[in-house]
N, C-alpha and C. Protein backbone atom coordinates (compact mmCIF):
# COMPACT_ATOMS: atom_id res chain seq x y z
N MET A 1 123.32 90.70 56.35
CA MET A 1 122.31 91.63 56.72
C MET A 1 121.00 91.09 56.35
N PRO A 2 120.00 91.17 57.20
CA PRO A 2 118.65 90.66 56.89
C PRO A 2 117.98 91.58 55.84
N ALA A 3 117.22 90.98 54.99
CA ALA A 3 116.53 91.65 53.83
C ALA A 3 115.20 91.03 53.55
N TYR A 4 114.29 91.80 53.06
CA TYR A 4 112.98 91.22 52.68
C TYR A 4 113.00 91.10 51.16
N LYS A 5 113.11 89.86 50.75
CA LYS A 5 113.21 89.60 49.28
C LYS A 5 111.85 89.88 48.62
N ILE A 6 111.99 90.54 47.45
CA ILE A 6 110.79 90.85 46.66
C ILE A 6 110.75 89.88 45.44
N TYR A 7 111.96 89.65 44.86
CA TYR A 7 112.01 88.91 43.59
C TYR A 7 113.41 88.34 43.49
N GLU A 8 113.52 87.13 42.80
CA GLU A 8 114.85 86.63 42.56
C GLU A 8 114.70 85.63 41.37
N ASN A 9 115.78 85.69 40.48
CA ASN A 9 115.94 84.57 39.56
C ASN A 9 117.41 84.32 39.44
N ASP A 10 117.96 83.73 38.38
CA ASP A 10 119.27 83.27 38.27
C ASP A 10 120.18 84.45 38.03
N PHE A 11 119.68 85.70 37.63
CA PHE A 11 120.47 86.73 37.32
C PHE A 11 120.41 87.98 38.29
N VAL A 12 119.23 88.14 38.96
CA VAL A 12 119.09 89.25 39.82
C VAL A 12 118.43 88.83 41.12
N TYR A 13 118.58 89.75 42.15
CA TYR A 13 118.00 89.66 43.47
C TYR A 13 117.43 91.02 43.83
N ALA A 14 116.14 91.08 44.11
CA ALA A 14 115.45 92.41 44.45
C ALA A 14 114.92 92.32 45.87
N PHE A 15 115.17 93.35 46.67
CA PHE A 15 114.71 93.43 48.00
C PHE A 15 114.34 94.87 48.46
N LEU A 16 113.56 94.89 49.45
CA LEU A 16 113.16 96.24 49.96
C LEU A 16 114.33 96.92 50.72
N THR A 17 114.40 98.23 50.51
CA THR A 17 115.53 98.90 51.16
C THR A 17 115.14 99.08 52.71
N ARG A 18 116.27 99.07 53.53
CA ARG A 18 115.97 99.15 54.97
C ARG A 18 115.58 100.57 55.37
N ASP A 19 116.19 101.59 54.77
CA ASP A 19 115.87 102.95 55.17
C ASP A 19 115.19 103.64 53.98
N ALA A 20 114.00 103.11 53.58
CA ALA A 20 113.35 103.62 52.38
C ALA A 20 112.85 105.03 52.54
N ILE A 21 112.92 105.83 51.45
CA ILE A 21 112.35 107.12 51.47
C ILE A 21 110.82 107.02 51.19
N ARG A 22 110.50 106.10 50.31
CA ARG A 22 109.11 105.85 49.94
C ARG A 22 108.74 104.38 50.18
N LEU A 23 107.49 104.15 50.59
CA LEU A 23 107.04 102.79 50.83
C LEU A 23 107.24 101.95 49.50
N GLY A 24 107.79 100.81 49.72
CA GLY A 24 108.04 99.93 48.48
C GLY A 24 109.33 100.16 47.81
N HIS A 25 110.16 101.08 48.28
CA HIS A 25 111.48 101.31 47.59
C HIS A 25 112.25 99.97 47.51
N THR A 26 112.59 99.56 46.30
CA THR A 26 113.16 98.31 46.10
C THR A 26 114.53 98.45 45.40
N LEU A 27 115.50 97.67 45.74
CA LEU A 27 116.82 97.55 45.10
C LEU A 27 116.82 96.31 44.30
N ILE A 28 117.27 96.40 43.06
CA ILE A 28 117.44 95.31 42.21
C ILE A 28 118.96 95.12 41.84
N VAL A 29 119.53 94.07 42.27
CA VAL A 29 120.96 93.89 42.23
C VAL A 29 121.31 92.69 41.28
N PRO A 30 122.20 92.92 40.23
CA PRO A 30 122.54 91.84 39.38
C PRO A 30 123.52 90.85 40.22
N LYS A 31 123.34 89.58 39.92
CA LYS A 31 124.16 88.61 40.60
C LYS A 31 125.46 88.37 39.90
N VAL A 32 126.17 89.41 39.78
CA VAL A 32 127.45 89.36 39.18
C VAL A 32 128.34 90.51 39.79
N GLU A 33 129.58 90.23 40.06
CA GLU A 33 130.41 91.30 40.78
C GLU A 33 130.98 92.25 39.63
N ILE A 34 130.68 93.56 39.89
CA ILE A 34 131.13 94.53 38.97
C ILE A 34 131.49 95.79 39.80
N ASP A 35 132.17 96.78 39.27
CA ASP A 35 132.47 98.02 39.93
C ASP A 35 131.55 99.16 39.57
N TYR A 36 131.03 99.12 38.37
CA TYR A 36 130.17 100.18 37.87
C TYR A 36 129.02 99.53 37.07
N PHE A 37 127.79 100.18 37.21
CA PHE A 37 126.62 99.63 36.57
C PHE A 37 126.85 99.41 35.06
N LEU A 38 127.58 100.38 34.39
CA LEU A 38 127.79 100.27 32.99
C LEU A 38 128.61 99.01 32.54
N GLU A 39 129.23 98.39 33.54
CA GLU A 39 130.00 97.21 33.30
C GLU A 39 129.22 95.95 33.43
N VAL A 40 127.94 96.03 33.75
CA VAL A 40 127.01 94.77 33.93
C VAL A 40 126.90 94.14 32.57
N PRO A 41 127.35 92.87 32.49
CA PRO A 41 127.31 92.17 31.18
C PRO A 41 125.87 91.64 30.89
N GLU A 42 125.64 91.29 29.63
CA GLU A 42 124.35 90.60 29.30
C GLU A 42 124.56 89.14 29.79
N PRO A 43 123.53 88.44 30.14
CA PRO A 43 122.20 88.78 30.20
C PRO A 43 121.71 89.54 31.50
N PHE A 44 122.66 89.75 32.40
CA PHE A 44 122.33 90.29 33.72
C PHE A 44 121.73 91.75 33.50
N TYR A 45 122.29 92.51 32.57
CA TYR A 45 121.87 93.85 32.28
C TYR A 45 120.43 93.85 31.99
N THR A 46 119.94 93.04 30.99
CA THR A 46 118.56 93.00 30.62
C THR A 46 117.67 92.46 31.68
N GLU A 47 118.17 91.54 32.45
CA GLU A 47 117.36 90.91 33.50
C GLU A 47 117.05 91.98 34.59
N VAL A 48 117.86 92.94 34.92
CA VAL A 48 117.61 93.95 35.84
C VAL A 48 116.33 94.66 35.51
N PHE A 49 116.25 95.03 34.15
CA PHE A 49 115.10 95.82 33.76
C PHE A 49 113.83 94.91 33.59
N LYS A 50 113.99 93.66 33.24
CA LYS A 50 112.86 92.76 33.21
C LYS A 50 112.27 92.61 34.60
N ALA A 51 113.19 92.47 35.59
CA ALA A 51 112.83 92.33 37.00
C ALA A 51 112.01 93.60 37.43
N ALA A 52 112.57 94.70 37.12
CA ALA A 52 111.86 96.01 37.45
C ALA A 52 110.44 96.05 36.83
N LYS A 53 110.28 95.69 35.65
CA LYS A 53 108.97 95.64 35.04
C LYS A 53 108.09 94.68 35.70
N THR A 54 108.58 93.49 36.01
CA THR A 54 107.72 92.45 36.72
C THR A 54 107.32 92.89 38.03
N ILE A 55 108.25 93.49 38.79
CA ILE A 55 107.89 93.99 40.16
C ILE A 55 106.86 95.06 40.13
N CYS A 56 106.93 95.99 39.13
CA CYS A 56 105.97 97.10 39.04
C CYS A 56 104.57 96.50 38.67
N ILE A 57 104.52 95.52 37.77
CA ILE A 57 103.20 95.03 37.27
C ILE A 57 102.60 94.29 38.45
N GLU A 58 103.39 93.54 39.20
CA GLU A 58 102.88 92.82 40.36
C GLU A 58 102.38 93.69 41.51
N ALA A 59 103.14 94.85 41.68
CA ALA A 59 102.72 95.75 42.81
C ALA A 59 101.56 96.56 42.46
N GLY A 60 101.29 96.82 41.15
CA GLY A 60 100.10 97.62 40.80
C GLY A 60 100.38 99.07 40.85
N ASP A 61 99.23 99.92 40.79
CA ASP A 61 99.28 101.32 40.68
C ASP A 61 100.05 102.04 41.77
N ASP A 62 99.91 101.46 43.02
CA ASP A 62 100.58 102.18 44.19
C ASP A 62 102.07 102.30 43.99
N PHE A 63 102.67 101.29 43.33
CA PHE A 63 104.07 101.28 43.11
C PHE A 63 104.51 102.33 42.07
N MET A 64 103.60 102.68 41.24
CA MET A 64 103.96 103.57 40.19
C MET A 64 103.78 105.09 40.59
N ALA A 65 103.42 105.32 41.79
CA ALA A 65 103.12 106.68 42.16
C ALA A 65 104.31 107.68 41.88
N THR A 66 103.95 108.85 41.62
CA THR A 66 104.99 109.83 41.39
C THR A 66 105.87 110.09 42.54
N SER A 67 107.05 110.56 42.28
CA SER A 67 107.95 110.87 43.47
C SER A 67 107.85 112.31 43.91
N ARG A 68 106.91 113.10 43.34
CA ARG A 68 106.75 114.44 43.77
C ARG A 68 105.25 114.88 43.63
N ASN A 69 104.90 115.83 44.37
CA ASN A 69 103.63 116.43 44.21
C ASN A 69 103.60 117.55 43.21
N ILE A 70 102.58 117.72 42.46
CA ILE A 70 102.51 118.69 41.35
C ILE A 70 102.61 120.10 41.86
N GLY A 71 101.97 120.36 42.99
CA GLY A 71 101.90 121.74 43.47
C GLY A 71 103.36 122.20 43.82
N ALA A 72 103.69 123.41 43.39
CA ALA A 72 105.02 123.98 43.74
C ALA A 72 105.03 125.24 44.54
N TYR A 73 103.95 126.08 44.32
CA TYR A 73 103.92 127.44 44.92
C TYR A 73 102.50 127.96 44.67
N PHE A 74 102.10 128.83 45.53
CA PHE A 74 100.73 129.48 45.27
C PHE A 74 100.87 130.98 45.60
N GLU A 75 99.93 131.75 44.96
CA GLU A 75 99.77 133.16 45.26
C GLU A 75 98.29 133.47 45.56
N ILE A 76 98.00 134.11 46.66
CA ILE A 76 96.60 134.40 46.94
C ILE A 76 96.50 135.98 46.66
N PRO A 77 95.62 136.31 45.64
CA PRO A 77 95.49 137.72 45.37
C PRO A 77 94.86 138.56 46.38
N VAL A 78 95.35 139.69 46.65
CA VAL A 78 94.81 140.62 47.69
C VAL A 78 94.71 142.01 47.05
N LYS A 79 93.75 142.83 47.64
CA LYS A 79 93.57 144.21 47.31
C LYS A 79 94.40 145.10 48.23
N ASP A 80 94.46 144.74 49.49
CA ASP A 80 95.19 145.50 50.52
C ASP A 80 96.18 144.54 51.27
N LEU A 81 97.39 144.66 50.84
CA LEU A 81 98.41 143.74 51.32
C LEU A 81 98.62 143.73 52.88
N ASN A 82 98.54 144.96 53.41
CA ASN A 82 98.71 145.09 54.93
C ASN A 82 97.57 144.46 55.71
N ARG A 83 96.35 144.72 55.14
CA ARG A 83 95.18 144.11 55.77
C ARG A 83 95.25 142.53 55.69
N ALA A 84 95.67 141.96 54.43
CA ALA A 84 95.84 140.52 54.36
C ALA A 84 96.87 139.93 55.21
N ILE A 85 98.04 140.67 55.39
CA ILE A 85 99.11 140.19 56.20
C ILE A 85 98.55 140.16 57.66
N ALA A 86 97.76 141.11 58.14
CA ALA A 86 97.30 141.13 59.54
C ALA A 86 96.34 139.88 59.74
N PHE A 87 95.52 139.73 58.64
CA PHE A 87 94.51 138.61 58.79
C PHE A 87 95.12 137.25 58.82
N TYR A 88 96.05 136.94 57.86
CA TYR A 88 96.67 135.60 57.84
C TYR A 88 97.70 135.45 58.98
N SER A 89 98.39 136.52 59.38
CA SER A 89 99.28 136.45 60.57
C SER A 89 98.49 135.97 61.86
N LYS A 90 97.31 136.54 62.05
CA LYS A 90 96.53 136.18 63.19
C LYS A 90 95.96 134.74 62.94
N LEU A 91 95.46 134.46 61.80
CA LEU A 91 94.87 133.10 61.54
C LEU A 91 95.80 131.99 61.76
N PHE A 92 97.05 132.14 61.29
CA PHE A 92 97.93 130.99 61.35
C PHE A 92 99.25 131.25 62.18
N SER A 93 99.16 132.31 62.98
CA SER A 93 100.37 132.67 63.79
C SER A 93 101.65 132.57 63.08
N VAL A 94 101.75 133.24 61.97
CA VAL A 94 102.95 133.32 61.08
C VAL A 94 103.40 134.68 60.86
N GLU A 95 104.66 134.89 60.47
CA GLU A 95 105.21 136.11 60.05
C GLU A 95 105.54 136.09 58.60
N PHE A 96 105.40 137.12 57.89
CA PHE A 96 105.58 137.22 56.43
C PHE A 96 106.89 137.93 56.14
N VAL A 97 107.40 137.65 54.94
CA VAL A 97 108.68 138.32 54.41
C VAL A 97 108.06 139.12 53.14
N ARG A 98 108.30 140.38 53.13
CA ARG A 98 107.80 141.25 52.04
C ARG A 98 108.82 141.43 51.01
N ALA A 99 108.33 141.50 49.69
CA ALA A 99 109.25 141.75 48.59
C ALA A 99 108.44 142.34 47.45
N SER A 100 109.21 142.99 46.59
CA SER A 100 108.59 143.42 45.29
C SER A 100 109.13 142.61 44.16
N ILE A 101 108.30 142.01 43.36
CA ILE A 101 108.72 141.13 42.31
C ILE A 101 107.90 141.50 41.00
N HIS A 102 108.55 141.77 40.02
CA HIS A 102 107.99 142.16 38.72
C HIS A 102 106.88 143.17 38.82
N GLY A 103 107.12 144.13 39.63
CA GLY A 103 106.11 145.26 39.90
C GLY A 103 105.00 144.90 40.84
N ASN A 104 105.03 143.78 41.39
CA ASN A 104 103.92 143.35 42.29
C ASN A 104 104.48 143.32 43.74
N GLU A 105 103.54 143.65 44.65
CA GLU A 105 103.97 143.51 46.15
C GLU A 105 103.65 142.12 46.68
N MET A 106 104.56 141.51 47.26
CA MET A 106 104.36 140.13 47.78
C MET A 106 104.66 140.05 49.31
N ALA A 107 103.91 139.13 49.97
CA ALA A 107 104.21 138.80 51.30
C ALA A 107 104.26 137.27 51.42
N PHE A 108 105.48 136.74 51.61
CA PHE A 108 105.70 135.31 51.58
C PHE A 108 105.39 134.57 52.91
N PHE A 109 104.57 133.54 52.79
CA PHE A 109 104.35 132.67 53.96
C PHE A 109 105.60 131.98 54.27
N PRO A 110 105.79 131.59 55.58
CA PRO A 110 107.03 130.86 55.91
C PRO A 110 107.13 129.57 55.09
N SER A 111 108.36 129.15 54.84
CA SER A 111 108.70 127.97 54.07
C SER A 111 109.75 127.11 54.75
N ALA A 112 109.58 125.86 54.65
CA ALA A 112 110.54 124.89 55.24
C ALA A 112 110.90 123.81 54.27
N ASN A 113 112.16 123.59 54.01
CA ASN A 113 112.55 122.48 53.14
C ASN A 113 112.41 121.15 53.83
N GLY A 114 112.12 120.07 53.03
CA GLY A 114 112.15 118.73 53.55
C GLY A 114 110.87 118.38 54.36
N VAL A 115 109.78 119.27 54.20
CA VAL A 115 108.54 118.85 54.89
C VAL A 115 107.46 118.79 53.86
N GLN A 116 106.36 118.12 54.20
CA GLN A 116 105.21 118.00 53.26
C GLN A 116 104.60 119.29 53.11
N GLY A 117 104.16 119.52 51.87
CA GLY A 117 103.36 120.71 51.55
C GLY A 117 104.17 121.76 50.76
N ILE A 118 103.46 122.80 50.31
CA ILE A 118 104.11 123.86 49.58
C ILE A 118 103.82 125.17 50.30
N SER A 119 104.56 126.18 49.86
CA SER A 119 104.31 127.43 50.37
C SER A 119 103.96 128.50 49.36
N GLY A 120 103.68 129.72 49.67
CA GLY A 120 103.35 130.71 48.69
C GLY A 120 103.33 132.09 49.29
N ALA A 121 102.53 132.86 48.66
CA ALA A 121 102.63 134.37 49.07
C ALA A 121 101.17 134.97 48.87
N LEU A 122 101.02 136.11 49.57
CA LEU A 122 99.95 136.98 49.36
C LEU A 122 100.42 137.92 48.24
N ALA A 123 99.65 138.24 47.25
CA ALA A 123 100.09 139.10 46.13
C ALA A 123 99.25 140.14 45.76
N GLN A 124 99.74 141.32 45.69
CA GLN A 124 99.05 142.56 45.31
C GLN A 124 99.64 143.21 44.05
N GLY A 125 98.84 143.41 43.08
CA GLY A 125 99.28 144.01 41.84
C GLY A 125 98.20 144.06 40.80
N GLU A 126 98.49 144.61 39.65
CA GLU A 126 97.49 144.82 38.63
C GLU A 126 96.91 143.48 38.15
N ILE A 127 97.66 142.39 38.14
CA ILE A 127 97.14 141.15 37.62
C ILE A 127 96.42 140.32 38.61
N TYR A 128 96.43 140.70 39.97
CA TYR A 128 95.74 139.93 41.01
C TYR A 128 94.45 140.43 41.35
N HIS A 129 93.35 139.56 41.26
CA HIS A 129 92.02 139.93 41.51
C HIS A 129 91.38 138.86 42.46
N PRO A 130 91.14 139.22 43.74
CA PRO A 130 90.50 138.27 44.70
C PRO A 130 89.21 137.80 44.14
N SER A 131 88.91 136.48 44.36
CA SER A 131 87.60 135.91 43.82
C SER A 131 87.28 134.68 44.60
N VAL A 132 85.98 134.35 44.73
CA VAL A 132 85.52 133.07 45.20
C VAL A 132 85.37 132.10 44.10
N ALA A 133 85.60 132.47 42.85
CA ALA A 133 85.25 131.60 41.70
C ALA A 133 86.46 130.98 41.07
N GLY A 134 87.60 131.24 41.46
CA GLY A 134 88.87 130.73 40.88
C GLY A 134 89.38 129.53 41.47
N THR A 135 90.63 129.22 41.38
CA THR A 135 91.34 128.10 41.93
C THR A 135 91.17 128.10 43.38
N LEU A 136 90.92 126.87 43.92
CA LEU A 136 90.80 126.74 45.49
C LEU A 136 92.09 126.24 46.09
N ILE A 137 92.73 126.90 46.95
CA ILE A 137 93.90 126.49 47.65
C ILE A 137 93.52 126.02 49.01
N TYR A 138 94.14 124.87 49.39
CA TYR A 138 93.94 124.31 50.79
C TYR A 138 95.12 124.64 51.57
N LEU A 139 94.87 125.34 52.72
CA LEU A 139 95.95 125.65 53.65
C LEU A 139 95.77 124.74 54.88
N SER A 140 96.94 124.26 55.26
CA SER A 140 96.97 123.32 56.38
C SER A 140 96.83 123.97 57.72
N THR A 141 96.06 123.33 58.60
CA THR A 141 95.85 123.78 59.93
C THR A 141 95.90 122.60 60.90
N GLU A 142 96.27 122.79 62.15
CA GLU A 142 96.29 121.71 63.10
C GLU A 142 94.91 121.57 63.72
N ASP A 143 94.05 122.57 63.64
CA ASP A 143 92.65 122.47 64.23
C ASP A 143 91.71 123.33 63.39
N VAL A 144 90.96 122.76 62.62
CA VAL A 144 89.96 123.49 61.70
C VAL A 144 88.95 124.25 62.58
N ASP A 145 88.52 123.75 63.67
CA ASP A 145 87.54 124.47 64.51
C ASP A 145 88.17 125.79 65.04
N LYS A 146 89.37 125.76 65.53
CA LYS A 146 89.99 126.92 66.06
C LYS A 146 90.25 127.92 64.95
N THR A 147 90.62 127.45 63.75
CA THR A 147 90.89 128.44 62.72
C THR A 147 89.62 128.99 62.20
N LEU A 148 88.48 128.26 62.17
CA LEU A 148 87.26 128.85 61.68
C LEU A 148 86.68 129.82 62.79
N ALA A 149 86.99 129.60 64.01
CA ALA A 149 86.57 130.54 65.10
C ALA A 149 87.29 131.83 64.86
N LEU A 150 88.62 131.82 64.48
CA LEU A 150 89.36 133.02 64.26
C LEU A 150 88.81 133.74 63.01
N VAL A 151 88.39 132.97 61.96
CA VAL A 151 87.83 133.56 60.80
C VAL A 151 86.59 134.35 61.12
N THR A 152 85.71 133.79 61.89
CA THR A 152 84.42 134.58 62.20
C THR A 152 84.74 135.66 63.21
N GLU A 153 85.68 135.48 64.12
CA GLU A 153 86.10 136.53 65.00
C GLU A 153 86.67 137.75 64.32
N MET A 154 87.25 137.56 63.17
CA MET A 154 87.76 138.66 62.32
C MET A 154 86.75 139.22 61.31
N GLY A 155 85.49 138.66 61.40
CA GLY A 155 84.49 139.19 60.53
C GLY A 155 84.34 138.62 59.26
N CYS A 156 84.94 137.48 59.05
CA CYS A 156 84.80 136.81 57.70
C CYS A 156 83.89 135.62 57.73
N ALA A 157 83.38 135.20 56.61
CA ALA A 157 82.29 134.27 56.47
C ALA A 157 82.81 132.85 56.25
N ILE A 158 82.22 131.87 56.91
CA ILE A 158 82.50 130.40 56.61
C ILE A 158 81.57 130.09 55.33
N MET A 159 82.21 129.52 54.37
CA MET A 159 81.52 129.19 53.14
C MET A 159 81.15 127.62 53.16
N PHE A 160 81.89 126.78 53.86
CA PHE A 160 81.65 125.41 53.84
C PHE A 160 82.19 124.87 55.26
N GLU A 161 81.16 124.46 55.98
CA GLU A 161 81.49 124.06 57.33
C GLU A 161 82.49 122.84 57.38
N LYS A 162 83.08 122.62 58.59
CA LYS A 162 84.00 121.53 58.80
C LYS A 162 83.28 120.23 58.38
N THR A 163 84.01 119.47 57.49
CA THR A 163 83.45 118.22 56.96
C THR A 163 84.56 117.17 56.98
N SER A 164 84.21 115.96 57.38
CA SER A 164 85.14 114.87 57.38
C SER A 164 85.45 114.33 55.99
N VAL A 165 86.63 114.09 55.72
CA VAL A 165 87.02 113.53 54.45
C VAL A 165 87.58 112.16 54.86
N GLU A 166 86.79 111.06 54.75
CA GLU A 166 87.15 109.76 55.39
C GLU A 166 88.60 109.37 55.18
N ASN A 167 89.17 108.98 56.29
CA ASN A 167 90.58 108.43 56.27
C ASN A 167 91.67 109.51 56.02
N TYR A 168 91.27 110.69 55.71
CA TYR A 168 92.28 111.78 55.38
C TYR A 168 92.30 112.91 56.49
N GLY A 169 91.12 113.28 56.89
CA GLY A 169 91.04 114.44 57.86
C GLY A 169 89.81 115.21 57.73
N TYR A 170 89.93 116.55 57.78
CA TYR A 170 88.81 117.50 57.73
C TYR A 170 89.08 118.62 56.79
N VAL A 171 88.10 119.19 56.21
CA VAL A 171 88.16 120.30 55.34
C VAL A 171 87.00 121.31 55.76
N ALA A 172 87.24 122.53 55.37
CA ALA A 172 86.30 123.63 55.48
C ALA A 172 86.78 124.75 54.57
N GLU A 173 85.82 125.69 54.32
CA GLU A 173 86.12 126.81 53.47
C GLU A 173 85.65 128.06 54.08
N PHE A 174 86.38 129.14 53.87
CA PHE A 174 85.96 130.49 54.27
C PHE A 174 86.28 131.57 53.24
N ARG A 175 85.61 132.74 53.34
CA ARG A 175 85.99 133.87 52.51
C ARG A 175 86.85 134.72 53.34
N ASP A 176 88.11 134.99 52.79
CA ASP A 176 89.04 135.84 53.57
C ASP A 176 88.78 137.30 53.52
N CYS A 177 89.58 138.09 54.15
CA CYS A 177 89.39 139.60 54.19
C CYS A 177 89.36 140.23 52.89
N GLU A 178 89.90 139.56 51.88
CA GLU A 178 90.08 140.21 50.53
C GLU A 178 89.02 139.68 49.51
N GLY A 179 88.26 138.73 49.98
CA GLY A 179 87.14 138.15 49.11
C GLY A 179 87.48 136.89 48.41
N ASN A 180 88.59 136.24 48.81
CA ASN A 180 88.91 134.94 48.23
C ASN A 180 88.34 133.76 48.98
N ARG A 181 87.95 132.80 48.19
CA ARG A 181 87.57 131.50 48.82
C ARG A 181 88.73 130.64 49.14
N ILE A 182 89.03 130.43 50.45
CA ILE A 182 90.23 129.64 50.86
C ILE A 182 89.68 128.45 51.64
N ALA A 183 90.34 127.28 51.38
CA ALA A 183 89.99 126.03 51.99
C ALA A 183 90.99 125.75 53.06
N LEU A 184 90.52 125.00 54.08
CA LEU A 184 91.45 124.58 55.21
C LEU A 184 91.52 122.98 55.18
N PHE A 185 92.59 122.47 55.54
CA PHE A 185 92.76 121.03 55.62
C PHE A 185 93.44 120.62 56.94
N GLN A 186 92.82 119.73 57.70
CA GLN A 186 93.34 119.28 58.93
C GLN A 186 93.54 117.72 58.74
N SER A 187 94.76 117.22 58.83
CA SER A 187 95.00 115.74 58.64
C SER A 187 94.68 115.02 59.92
N VAL A 188 94.34 113.70 59.75
CA VAL A 188 94.10 112.92 60.97
C VAL A 188 95.36 112.20 61.44
């Protein structure tokens, strides 16, 4: 089977995987026949880890990137859940699932496993206070211009016009129907 060799010495062979999940995914194989990794004898065992360290140092920071994004979930505070559901349903053409959790009323954005991004909910309760001064959440859109047109059509203000983020896409910000500052992101 053809392979792209990354590293080799007398004890190990390292190559890029054919069906990599992440760019640079490399397999490091000891040059000794064994059934289980715990059976790898010295010096082959130590050489596997020395090779891994060498490869990481040579590859630089990109190779050491984390395997997950830190964002897991978000909640957008609202005063009137029905009004917020109507606003975001029209803005993003989505349907919400409602629930009561810990005494708070929630409306969950659609969520899909195995795709980029996170999901969250509109949240109404005693602890939720809409604001333009708190954390800024970026919501994904296929077309910032169309989304901003809907924002103004529904009587809300644009706070930051569409702006290019070189090599990544476009961003913009608006004040939603509840008074939150919300950002949009359109990838290129």
